[in-house]
Amino acid sequence: MRNVPSTPPLAPSFAQTVRITAAGLACMLVGIGLARFGFMPMIPLLVERSGFTPHHAALLGGANFLGYLGGTLIMRRRGATVPVRLGSVLMLLGATASFLAFLWTHSFAQLALWRWLSGAVGAGLMVLVGPAVLESVPPQWRGRCSGLVFAGIGVGALLSGALTPLLLPLGTDAIWLGFALIAGLAAVLAGFGLPNLRRPSITSTQTENHHMDATAVRVVLAYGCCGFGFVPHALLWSDFVARELGRGVGGGASQLILLGGGAAIGPAVLGLMADRIGFRRAFWMALLAMAASVAMPLLSVAAPALIVSSVLTGALGIGLVTLASGRLGELLPRAAMTRAWATATLSFAGAQAAGALSLPWLLVRPHGSAMVFALASAVLIAGAVLGGWPRSAVTKR
């Protein structure tokens, strides 16, 4: 049974809209920006100062991707029972605890569990917060508010890249404490800013008469290819620059800042691109461009090449969320779109988890980094082929 609690005003004021949007941005900043990307510059520090091997440190990052997959599955089934405001606050407190866990334990198994939790938190916030913001702001502001909310992912990556070298002289504990403080402040902001809504669950009865055709299935698979192809930069990039290229923690963190900057502007830029050339063309072209940006280190590791790879991969990896959802919206009636997007999110999360678990195993082999970038690029090329396949006829309702 669907619960229908009190809803926010039908015409929220500008101040209310700003508060809701800021709270949503804070949730994305912590749930994915810090909880996922903030771990990247910490990998070489865990190797140097905590006794972890590069393989185990990378697997800790992979646990976050597994958590995102698990959180997506849980929220897909139980999202209707979770109030947006209370659920988001509790998840942000969970993220805070996952950062603090690095202060009191050095057990790989325990830290992997906390990293799993931080990934599940990111998935839960993605499912709860994005739709709640769209539902709660004036229709004429939905596009810009949504863009600002998801820009929080890039802002979080920027912030973590800037804080890591700044706090490093105080020790790694200071970095984890800094992340935990930001997450705690975000929980306060979410408690005051987010609307008190419940999300409806996604049930088969809502879409029993609407099925994805072959073209929509290819889009879902192509979106999964994006998830796999993003893993080297979302998980291993800072460590690759810091240790393998000998640029140090500061060098790795600077690339994370660039990646975060790209992620902050990517959704808006690719959305404008889709308005001009259509979602289908924009989707496969973005996947192909991302394949090139991920493969850039195979051609050159000079500073300009690394900068281009960071900025483009960040912009395309996050911006493709906009293109995938828009492409499915073109292909499917509204009644089928919700379930299709949930399936696409699972495809992305599952492919990311598979990449996060499999790619670190290549690192221990000769030329392992080159193999990682080559494989990720090849999967993105496959995604471009899938995403650009001619569309089948779809009757919209």
Protein backbone atom coordinates (compact mmCIF):
# COMPACT_ATOMS: atom_id res chain seq x y z
CA MET A 1 0.00 0.00 0.00
CA ARG A 2 1.30 3.40 -0.87
CA ASN A 3 1.71 5.86 1.97
CA VAL A 4 0.83 9.46 1.16
CA PRO A 5 2.27 11.77 3.82
CA SER A 6 2.10 15.49 3.84
CA THR A 7 3.78 17.08 0.85
CA PRO A 8 5.65 20.34 0.46
CA PRO A 9 3.79 23.43 -0.78
CA LEU A 10 2.64 23.28 -4.37
CA ALA A 11 4.47 26.52 -5.12
CA PRO A 12 7.57 26.68 -2.93
CA SER A 13 9.27 30.02 -2.52
CA PHE A 14 12.64 30.82 -3.99
CA ALA A 15 14.22 30.43 -0.54
CA GLN A 16 12.63 26.99 -0.09
CA THR A 17 13.80 25.92 -3.52
CA VAL A 18 17.34 27.01 -2.75
CA ARG A 19 17.26 25.14 0.57
CA ILE A 20 15.97 21.93 -1.02
CA THR A 21 18.52 22.11 -3.84
CA ALA A 22 21.41 22.84 -1.47
CA ALA A 23 20.42 19.88 0.70
CA GLY A 24 20.27 17.62 -2.35
CA LEU A 25 23.68 18.83 -3.52
CA ALA A 26 25.12 18.11 -0.06
CA CYS A 27 23.75 14.55 -0.19
CA MET A 28 25.38 13.85 -3.56
CA LEU A 29 28.60 15.56 -2.44
CA VAL A 30 28.97 13.14 0.48
CA GLY A 31 27.21 10.01 -0.77
CA ILE A 32 29.20 9.72 -4.01
CA GLY A 33 31.61 12.66 -4.21
CA LEU A 34 33.41 11.94 -0.92
CA ALA A 35 32.37 8.36 -0.12
CA ARG A 36 33.54 7.13 -3.54
CA PHE A 37 35.95 9.63 -5.10
CA GLY A 38 37.41 10.78 -1.79
CA PHE A 39 38.89 7.31 -1.34
CA MET A 40 40.95 7.58 -4.52
CA PRO A 41 43.80 9.79 -3.23
CA MET A 42 43.85 7.77 0.00
CA ILE A 43 44.89 4.54 -1.77
CA PRO A 44 48.61 5.38 -2.00
CA LEU A 45 48.53 6.57 1.62
CA LEU A 46 47.01 3.27 2.75
CA VAL A 47 49.75 1.45 0.87
CA GLU A 48 52.55 3.57 2.30
CA ARG A 49 51.36 4.06 5.88
CA SER A 50 48.87 1.32 6.76
CA GLY A 51 50.62 -1.76 5.42
CA PHE A 52 48.04 -2.65 2.77
CA THR A 53 49.18 -3.96 -0.59
CA PRO A 54 48.04 -2.01 -3.67
CA HIS A 55 45.74 -4.91 -4.49
CA HIS A 56 44.04 -4.88 -1.09
CA ALA A 57 43.74 -1.09 -1.09
CA ALA A 58 42.06 -1.24 -4.50
CA LEU A 59 39.72 -3.97 -3.27
CA LEU A 60 38.64 -1.68 -0.43
CA GLY A 61 37.61 0.78 -3.12
CA GLY A 62 35.82 -2.01 -4.96
CA ALA A 63 33.78 -2.76 -1.84
CA ASN A 64 32.18 0.66 -2.31
CA PHE A 65 30.99 -0.34 -5.78
CA LEU A 66 29.56 -3.58 -4.42
CA GLY A 67 27.77 -1.55 -1.76
CA TYR A 68 26.31 0.70 -4.45
CA LEU A 69 24.96 -2.36 -6.24
CA GLY A 70 23.52 -3.78 -3.03
CA GLY A 71 22.02 -0.44 -2.05
CA THR A 72 20.40 -0.10 -5.46
CA LEU A 73 18.78 -3.52 -5.12
CA ILE A 74 17.54 -2.76 -1.59
CA MET A 75 16.13 0.67 -2.45
CA ARG A 76 14.48 -0.62 -5.59
CA ARG A 77 12.39 -2.95 -3.45
CA ARG A 78 12.06 -0.99 -0.20
CA GLY A 79 12.24 2.64 -1.27
CA ALA A 80 8.55 3.25 -0.55
CA THR A 81 9.06 2.60 3.15
CA VAL A 82 11.90 5.13 3.55
CA PRO A 83 10.99 8.78 4.29
CA VAL A 84 13.25 11.02 2.25
CA ARG A 85 14.34 13.35 5.04
CA LEU A 86 14.86 10.81 7.82
CA GLY A 87 16.33 8.20 5.50
CA SER A 88 18.81 10.66 4.02
CA VAL A 89 19.94 11.88 7.44
CA LEU A 90 20.51 8.32 8.65
CA MET A 91 22.43 7.44 5.49
CA LEU A 92 24.65 10.50 5.86
CA LEU A 93 25.35 9.53 9.45
CA GLY A 94 26.30 6.09 8.15
CA ALA A 95 28.73 7.75 5.74
CA THR A 96 30.16 9.72 8.65
CA ALA A 97 30.73 6.49 10.58
CA SER A 98 32.40 4.88 7.55
CA PHE A 99 34.98 7.69 7.47
CA LEU A 100 35.58 7.50 11.21
CA ALA A 101 36.06 3.72 10.95
CA PHE A 102 39.51 4.33 9.46
CA LEU A 103 40.52 5.93 12.78
CA TRP A 104 39.79 2.94 15.00
CA THR A 105 40.40 -0.17 12.92
CA HIS A 106 43.04 -1.46 10.52
CA SER A 107 41.36 -4.79 9.78
CA PHE A 108 40.87 -5.32 6.07
CA ALA A 109 37.60 -7.24 6.58
CA GLN A 110 36.10 -4.58 8.85
CA LEU A 111 37.15 -1.71 6.61
CA ALA A 112 35.74 -3.54 3.58
CA LEU A 113 32.42 -3.77 5.40
CA TRP A 114 32.45 -0.02 6.11
CA ARG A 115 33.34 0.71 2.51
CA TRP A 116 30.41 -1.48 1.44
CA LEU A 117 28.16 0.57 3.70
CA SER A 118 29.39 3.84 2.20
CA GLY A 119 28.52 2.51 -1.27
CA ALA A 120 25.04 1.47 -0.14
CA VAL A 121 24.59 4.97 1.31
CA GLY A 122 25.46 6.49 -2.07
CA ALA A 123 22.89 4.32 -3.82
CA GLY A 124 20.22 5.11 -1.26
CA LEU A 125 20.80 8.85 -1.57
CA MET A 126 20.74 8.63 -5.36
CA VAL A 127 17.37 6.84 -5.30
CA LEU A 128 15.78 9.05 -2.63
CA VAL A 129 17.11 12.53 -3.16
CA GLY A 130 17.11 13.14 -6.92
CA PRO A 131 13.40 12.39 -7.51
CA ALA A 132 12.43 14.16 -4.27
CA VAL A 133 14.10 17.38 -5.37
CA LEU A 134 12.42 17.25 -8.79
CA GLU A 135 9.06 16.65 -7.14
CA SER A 136 9.48 19.52 -4.70
CA VAL A 137 10.72 22.46 -6.78
CA PRO A 138 8.75 24.56 -9.29
CA PRO A 139 8.51 22.94 -12.75
CA GLN A 140 10.30 25.84 -14.44
CA TRP A 141 13.35 25.30 -12.20
CA ARG A 142 13.57 21.52 -12.32
CA GLY A 143 16.29 21.35 -14.95
CA ARG A 144 18.69 23.72 -13.26
CA CYS A 145 17.96 22.33 -9.78
CA SER A 146 18.58 18.77 -10.96
CA GLY A 147 21.83 19.84 -12.59
CA LEU A 148 22.99 21.49 -9.38
CA VAL A 149 22.12 18.45 -7.28
CA PHE A 150 24.11 16.03 -9.44
CA ALA A 151 26.91 18.56 -9.77
CA GLY A 152 27.44 17.76 -6.09
CA ILE A 153 29.19 14.57 -7.21
CA GLY A 154 31.85 16.61 -8.98
CA VAL A 155 32.04 19.16 -6.18
CA GLY A 156 32.70 16.33 -3.72
CA ALA A 157 35.48 14.98 -5.91
CA LEU A 158 36.96 18.47 -6.18
CA LEU A 159 36.74 18.97 -2.44
CA SER A 160 38.36 15.64 -1.60
CA GLY A 161 41.17 16.29 -4.07
CA ALA A 162 41.82 19.67 -2.48
CA LEU A 163 41.54 18.57 1.15
CA THR A 164 43.82 15.53 0.92
CA PRO A 165 47.12 17.35 0.27
CA LEU A 166 46.02 20.24 2.52
CA LEU A 167 45.43 18.00 5.54
CA LEU A 168 48.16 15.46 4.79
CA PRO A 169 50.83 17.23 6.93
CA LEU A 170 48.53 16.63 9.93
CA GLY A 171 48.34 12.91 9.18
CA THR A 172 45.86 10.59 7.48
CA ASP A 173 43.58 10.67 10.54
CA ALA A 174 43.04 14.38 9.93
CA ILE A 175 41.83 13.63 6.40
CA TRP A 176 39.28 11.06 7.57
CA LEU A 177 38.15 13.45 10.32
CA GLY A 178 37.73 16.20 7.74
CA PHE A 179 35.57 13.96 5.55
CA ALA A 180 33.52 12.91 8.59
CA LEU A 181 32.94 16.53 9.59
CA ILE A 182 31.68 17.42 6.12
CA ALA A 183 29.36 14.39 6.14
CA GLY A 184 28.00 15.37 9.54
CA LEU A 185 27.31 18.93 8.34
CA ALA A 186 25.56 17.51 5.28
CA ALA A 187 23.32 15.43 7.58
CA VAL A 188 22.29 18.61 9.41
CA LEU A 189 21.59 20.39 6.12
CA ALA A 190 19.54 17.42 4.86
CA GLY A 191 17.52 17.39 8.08
CA PHE A 192 16.53 21.01 7.63
CA GLY A 193 16.39 21.21 3.85
CA LEU A 194 14.95 18.05 2.33
CA PRO A 195 11.19 17.55 1.92
CA ASN A 196 9.47 14.89 4.03
CA LEU A 197 8.30 12.63 1.23
CA ARG A 198 8.07 8.89 0.72
CA ARG A 199 9.13 7.45 -2.60
CA PRO A 200 6.72 5.03 -4.29
CA SER A 201 8.07 1.56 -4.83
CA ILE A 202 8.54 0.23 -8.33
CA THR A 203 6.26 -2.71 -8.92
CA SER A 204 5.68 -4.96 -11.83
CA THR A 205 1.98 -4.07 -11.92
CA GLN A 206 2.87 -0.51 -12.89
CA THR A 207 4.55 -1.70 -16.07
CA GLU A 208 3.00 -5.05 -16.83
CA ASN A 209 1.69 -3.79 -20.16
CA HIS A 210 4.90 -1.98 -21.11
CA HIS A 211 8.09 -3.82 -21.98
CA MET A 212 11.44 -2.57 -23.21
CA ASP A 213 12.02 -3.28 -26.87
CA ALA A 214 15.41 -4.40 -28.18
CA THR A 215 16.65 -0.84 -28.66
CA ALA A 216 15.89 0.11 -25.06
CA VAL A 217 17.63 -3.06 -23.86
CA ARG A 218 20.71 -2.05 -25.85
CA VAL A 219 20.66 1.37 -24.19
CA VAL A 220 20.54 -0.31 -20.77
CA LEU A 221 23.50 -2.53 -21.70
CA ALA A 222 25.41 0.43 -23.13
CA TYR A 223 24.87 2.32 -19.89
CA GLY A 224 26.35 -0.65 -18.07
CA CYS A 225 29.39 -0.41 -20.33
CA CYS A 226 29.77 3.18 -19.15
CA GLY A 227 29.80 1.95 -15.57
CA PHE A 228 32.57 -0.57 -16.29
CA GLY A 229 34.60 1.90 -18.33
CA PHE A 230 34.48 4.52 -15.56
CA VAL A 231 36.11 2.23 -12.98
CA PRO A 232 39.80 2.96 -13.80
CA HIS A 233 39.32 6.69 -13.26
CA ALA A 234 36.77 6.37 -10.46
CA LEU A 235 38.89 3.93 -8.45
CA LEU A 236 42.50 3.63 -9.62
CA TRP A 237 43.38 6.91 -11.31
CA SER A 238 44.87 8.83 -8.38
CA ASP A 239 46.96 5.85 -7.30
CA PHE A 240 48.19 5.34 -10.87
CA VAL A 241 49.33 8.96 -11.12
CA ALA A 242 50.74 9.09 -7.58
CA ARG A 243 52.70 5.84 -7.44
CA GLU A 244 53.17 4.40 -10.91
CA LEU A 245 53.96 7.73 -12.52
CA GLY A 246 55.83 8.95 -9.44
CA ARG A 247 53.87 12.23 -9.13
CA GLY A 248 53.16 11.77 -5.42
CA VAL A 249 49.95 12.13 -3.44
CA GLY A 250 49.62 15.77 -4.47
CA GLY A 251 49.87 14.84 -8.14
CA GLY A 252 47.21 12.16 -7.77
CA ALA A 253 44.93 14.53 -5.86
CA SER A 254 45.33 17.24 -8.50
CA GLN A 255 44.05 14.83 -11.15
CA LEU A 256 41.08 14.07 -8.92
CA ILE A 257 40.35 17.80 -8.75
CA LEU A 258 40.35 17.95 -12.54
CA LEU A 259 38.13 14.87 -12.77
CA GLY A 260 35.73 16.46 -10.28
CA GLY A 261 35.68 19.68 -12.25
CA GLY A 262 34.72 17.76 -15.37
CA ALA A 263 32.04 15.86 -13.43
CA ALA A 264 30.59 19.15 -12.18
CA ILE A 265 30.05 20.56 -15.67
CA GLY A 266 29.49 17.38 -17.68
CA PRO A 267 25.72 16.91 -17.15
CA ALA A 268 24.85 20.44 -18.30
CA VAL A 269 27.18 20.38 -21.31
CA LEU A 270 25.99 16.98 -22.56
CA GLY A 271 22.38 17.99 -21.97
CA LEU A 272 22.85 20.99 -24.26
CA MET A 273 24.54 18.72 -26.79
CA ALA A 274 21.57 16.35 -26.76
CA ASP A 275 19.19 19.26 -27.34
CA ARG A 276 21.10 20.10 -30.51
CA ILE A 277 21.83 16.69 -32.07
CA GLY A 278 19.41 14.33 -30.29
CA PHE A 279 19.91 11.87 -27.46
CA ARG A 280 20.79 8.87 -29.63
CA ARG A 281 23.69 10.57 -31.39
CA ALA A 282 24.86 12.32 -28.25
CA PHE A 283 24.78 9.03 -26.30
CA TRP A 284 26.95 6.95 -28.60
CA MET A 285 29.27 9.85 -29.38
CA ALA A 286 29.83 10.46 -25.66
CA LEU A 287 30.61 6.77 -25.10
CA LEU A 288 33.10 6.83 -27.97
CA ALA A 289 34.72 10.01 -26.65
CA MET A 290 34.94 8.46 -23.19
CA ALA A 291 36.66 5.41 -24.67
CA ALA A 292 39.29 7.73 -26.12
CA SER A 293 39.74 9.66 -22.88
CA VAL A 294 40.12 6.47 -20.82
CA ALA A 295 42.70 5.14 -23.31
CA MET A 296 44.69 8.40 -23.28
CA PRO A 297 47.35 7.09 -20.82
CA LEU A 298 48.18 4.33 -23.32
CA LEU A 299 49.35 7.00 -25.74
CA SER A 300 50.96 9.50 -23.38
CA VAL A 301 51.42 10.17 -19.68
CA ALA A 302 52.62 13.73 -20.19
CA ALA A 303 50.85 16.34 -18.08
CA PRO A 304 48.58 17.66 -20.91
CA ALA A 305 47.38 14.13 -21.72
CA LEU A 306 46.62 13.39 -18.07
CA ILE A 307 44.68 16.66 -17.75
CA VAL A 308 42.58 15.90 -20.83
CA SER A 309 41.93 12.36 -19.63
CA SER A 310 40.83 13.53 -16.17
CA VAL A 311 38.54 16.33 -17.31
CA LEU A 312 36.91 14.45 -20.19
CA THR A 313 36.41 11.20 -18.30
CA GLY A 314 34.87 13.05 -15.36
CA ALA A 315 32.55 15.06 -17.60
CA LEU A 316 31.50 12.10 -19.74
CA GLY A 317 31.26 9.52 -16.95
CA ILE A 318 28.79 11.63 -14.95
CA GLY A 319 27.19 13.38 -17.92
CA LEU A 320 26.18 10.09 -19.50
CA VAL A 321 23.62 9.71 -16.71
CA THR A 322 21.69 12.55 -18.34
CA LEU A 323 22.01 11.08 -21.83
CA ALA A 324 21.01 7.54 -20.85
CA SER A 325 17.88 8.70 -19.03
CA GLY A 326 16.96 11.03 -21.89
CA ARG A 327 17.46 8.29 -24.48
CA LEU A 328 15.20 5.89 -22.56
CA GLY A 329 12.66 8.69 -22.24
CA GLU A 330 12.63 8.97 -26.04
CA LEU A 331 12.09 5.26 -26.50
CA LEU A 332 9.55 4.41 -23.82
CA PRO A 333 6.19 5.66 -22.56
CA ARG A 334 6.25 7.27 -19.14
CA ALA A 335 4.68 4.24 -17.46
CA ALA A 336 7.60 2.05 -18.54
CA MET A 337 10.33 4.65 -18.08
CA THR A 338 10.57 4.36 -14.27
CA ARG A 339 11.22 0.64 -14.28
CA ALA A 340 13.54 0.92 -17.26
CA TRP A 341 15.62 3.52 -15.44
CA ALA A 342 15.77 1.32 -12.36
CA THR A 343 17.01 -1.51 -14.58
CA ALA A 344 19.57 0.81 -16.19
CA THR A 345 20.80 1.88 -12.75
CA LEU A 346 21.25 -1.77 -11.81
CA SER A 347 23.13 -2.36 -15.06
CA PHE A 348 25.48 0.53 -14.29
CA ALA A 349 25.98 -0.52 -10.66
CA GLY A 350 26.50 -4.18 -11.53
CA ALA A 351 29.04 -3.40 -14.25
CA GLN A 352 30.89 -1.04 -11.91
CA ALA A 353 31.02 -3.69 -9.22
CA ALA A 354 32.31 -6.25 -11.72
CA GLY A 355 34.99 -3.85 -12.89
CA ALA A 356 35.98 -2.87 -9.37
CA LEU A 357 36.49 -6.52 -8.43
CA SER A 358 38.14 -7.71 -11.64
CA LEU A 359 40.37 -4.86 -12.77
CA PRO A 360 42.54 -4.75 -9.60
CA TRP A 361 43.55 -8.35 -10.32
CA LEU A 362 45.16 -7.15 -13.56
CA LEU A 363 47.36 -4.70 -11.69
CA VAL A 364 49.56 -7.46 -10.27
CA ARG A 365 50.41 -8.67 -13.79
CA PRO A 366 53.10 -7.23 -16.07
CA HIS A 367 51.81 -4.09 -17.79
CA GLY A 368 48.74 -4.37 -15.59
CA SER A 369 47.78 -0.68 -15.75
CA ALA A 370 47.92 -0.69 -19.55
CA MET A 371 45.67 -3.76 -19.59
CA VAL A 372 43.18 -2.02 -17.29
CA PHE A 373 42.90 1.08 -19.47
CA ALA A 374 42.76 -0.96 -22.68
CA LEU A 375 40.01 -3.27 -21.40
CA ALA A 376 37.91 -0.38 -20.07
CA SER A 377 38.25 1.47 -23.36
CA ALA A 378 37.24 -1.61 -25.36
CA VAL A 379 34.10 -2.05 -23.23
CA LEU A 380 33.18 1.61 -23.83
CA ILE A 381 33.59 1.13 -27.58
CA ALA A 382 31.23 -1.85 -27.35
CA GLY A 383 28.81 0.42 -25.47
CA ALA A 384 29.00 3.01 -28.24
CA VAL A 385 28.07 0.35 -30.79
CA LEU A 386 25.14 -0.79 -28.64
CA GLY A 387 23.96 2.73 -27.86
CA GLY A 388 24.06 3.89 -31.46
CA TRP A 389 22.18 0.96 -32.96
CA PRO A 390 19.22 2.15 -35.11
CA ARG A 391 16.15 2.64 -33.02
CA SER A 392 13.24 0.27 -33.36
CA ALA A 393 9.78 1.68 -33.76
CA VAL A 394 8.22 2.42 -30.37
CA THR A 395 4.67 3.49 -29.86
CA LYS A 396 4.52 6.16 -27.14
CA ARG A 397 1.53 6.66 -24.94
